[in-house]
Protein backbone atom coordinates (compact mmCIF):
# COMPACT_ATOMS: atom_id res chain seq x y z
CA MET A 1 1.21 25.09 30.01
CA ALA A 2 3.89 22.49 29.34
CA GLN A 3 4.61 21.47 25.77
CA GLN A 4 4.58 17.83 24.89
CA THR A 5 7.39 16.72 22.68
CA GLY A 6 8.72 13.38 21.71
CA ARG A 7 10.54 11.34 19.18
CA ALA A 8 8.83 8.20 17.99
CA GLY A 9 10.59 5.50 16.02
CA MET A 10 9.38 5.00 12.45
CA ALA A 11 7.80 1.65 13.37
CA GLU A 12 5.55 3.54 15.79
CA VAL A 13 4.43 6.20 13.31
CA GLN A 14 1.47 5.17 11.21
CA PRO A 15 -0.58 7.32 8.83
CA PRO A 16 -4.38 7.15 9.20
CA VAL A 17 -4.83 5.83 5.65
CA ALA A 18 -2.73 4.28 2.90
CA TYR A 19 -3.17 4.00 -0.85
CA LEU A 20 -2.84 0.31 -1.76
CA PRO A 21 -2.25 -1.09 -5.26
CA CYS A 22 -5.14 -3.23 -6.42
CA ARG A 23 -6.85 -4.95 -9.32
CA LEU A 24 -10.36 -3.99 -10.36
CA ASP A 25 -13.01 -6.28 -11.77
CA GLU A 26 -14.82 -5.70 -15.08
CA ASN A 27 -17.25 -3.33 -13.28
CA GLY A 28 -14.46 -1.20 -11.83
CA GLU A 29 -14.97 -2.61 -8.33
CA LEU A 30 -12.18 -3.81 -6.04
CA ASP A 31 -11.16 -7.36 -6.99
CA GLU A 32 -8.00 -7.76 -4.92
CA VAL A 33 -5.30 -5.82 -3.11
CA MET A 34 -1.98 -6.59 -4.76
CA MET A 35 1.01 -7.87 -2.82
CA ALA A 36 4.65 -8.31 -3.82
CA ARG A 37 6.68 -11.48 -3.27
CA LEU A 38 10.13 -10.62 -1.89
CA ALA A 39 13.33 -12.42 -2.85
CA ASP A 40 13.28 -14.32 0.45
CA GLY A 41 9.73 -15.58 -0.21
CA ARG A 42 7.87 -13.27 2.17
CA ILE A 43 4.74 -11.49 0.95
CA ALA A 44 4.79 -7.70 1.26
CA LEU A 45 1.89 -5.28 1.40
CA MET A 46 2.97 -2.06 -0.27
CA GLY A 47 1.22 1.08 0.98
CA TYR A 48 1.65 4.72 0.03
CA THR A 49 1.05 7.75 2.23
CA ALA A 50 0.03 10.10 -0.58
CA LEU A 51 -1.33 9.69 -4.08
CA ASP A 52 1.71 11.28 -5.73
CA ARG A 53 3.95 8.78 -3.91
CA PHE A 54 1.66 5.98 -5.08
CA PHE A 55 2.06 7.04 -8.71
CA VAL A 56 5.86 7.22 -8.34
CA GLY A 57 5.97 3.79 -6.69
CA CYS A 58 3.35 1.94 -8.75
CA GLY A 59 2.97 3.84 -12.00
CA ALA A 60 0.53 6.52 -13.09
CA GLY A 61 -1.98 4.02 -14.53
CA HIS A 62 -2.15 1.67 -11.55
CA PRO A 63 -5.53 1.36 -9.80
CA TRP A 64 -5.58 2.01 -6.06
CA VAL A 65 -7.82 1.67 -3.04
CA LEU A 66 -7.69 3.92 0.02
CA TRP A 67 -7.52 1.77 3.19
CA LYS A 68 -7.63 2.79 6.85
CA THR A 69 -4.39 1.62 8.42
CA GLU A 70 -6.22 0.67 11.61
CA GLU A 71 -8.06 -1.93 9.50
CA LEU A 72 -4.99 -3.57 7.92
CA GLU A 73 -5.32 -6.62 10.17
CA SER A 74 -8.74 -7.30 8.63
CA LEU A 75 -7.05 -7.23 5.23
CA ARG A 76 -4.38 -9.65 6.50
CA ALA A 77 -7.17 -12.02 7.55
CA LEU A 78 -8.50 -11.98 3.95
CA LYS A 79 -5.13 -12.09 2.16
CA HIS A 80 -2.03 -12.96 4.13
CA PHE A 81 1.05 -10.73 4.09
CA ASP A 82 4.21 -11.05 6.16
CA VAL A 83 5.44 -7.45 6.14
CA ALA A 84 4.10 -4.02 5.21
CA TYR A 85 6.15 -1.22 3.68
CA LEU A 86 5.34 2.43 3.07
CA ASP A 87 6.40 4.46 0.04
CA ILE A 88 8.68 1.80 -1.51
CA ALA A 89 8.55 1.22 -5.28
CA MET A 90 6.69 -1.86 -6.49
CA PRO A 91 8.69 -4.36 -8.56
CA ALA A 92 8.78 -3.29 -12.21
CA SER A 93 6.76 -6.36 -13.24
CA LEU A 94 3.80 -5.15 -11.14
CA ARG A 95 3.83 -1.49 -12.16
CA VAL A 96 1.18 -0.01 -14.48
CA GLU A 97 2.59 3.05 -16.20
CA GLU A 98 -0.41 3.94 -18.38
CA ASP A 99 -4.13 3.73 -17.86
CA THR A 100 -5.30 0.74 -19.91
CA ALA A 101 -9.02 1.43 -19.43
């Protein structure tokens, strides 16, 4: 039996789910997925491939929502973003280091 091997570019590799930074309403329900405005004016969706990476990138007290990556286009239809990044730190002004609940 022949082995299948390959080398995919990073743009082609996509995890099945991503942890997304969010805001919760007063009942603890999802209010909005947070985005970051880049220096050039584009809006970035910041996703994280594991919860420990989320905490490093967003802060240990930041709320999160687990989102299927195959459904990110439905999110874009609700709240526009220009680019999506994985495992990149959020701007310091958007980080939540301690749980404020």
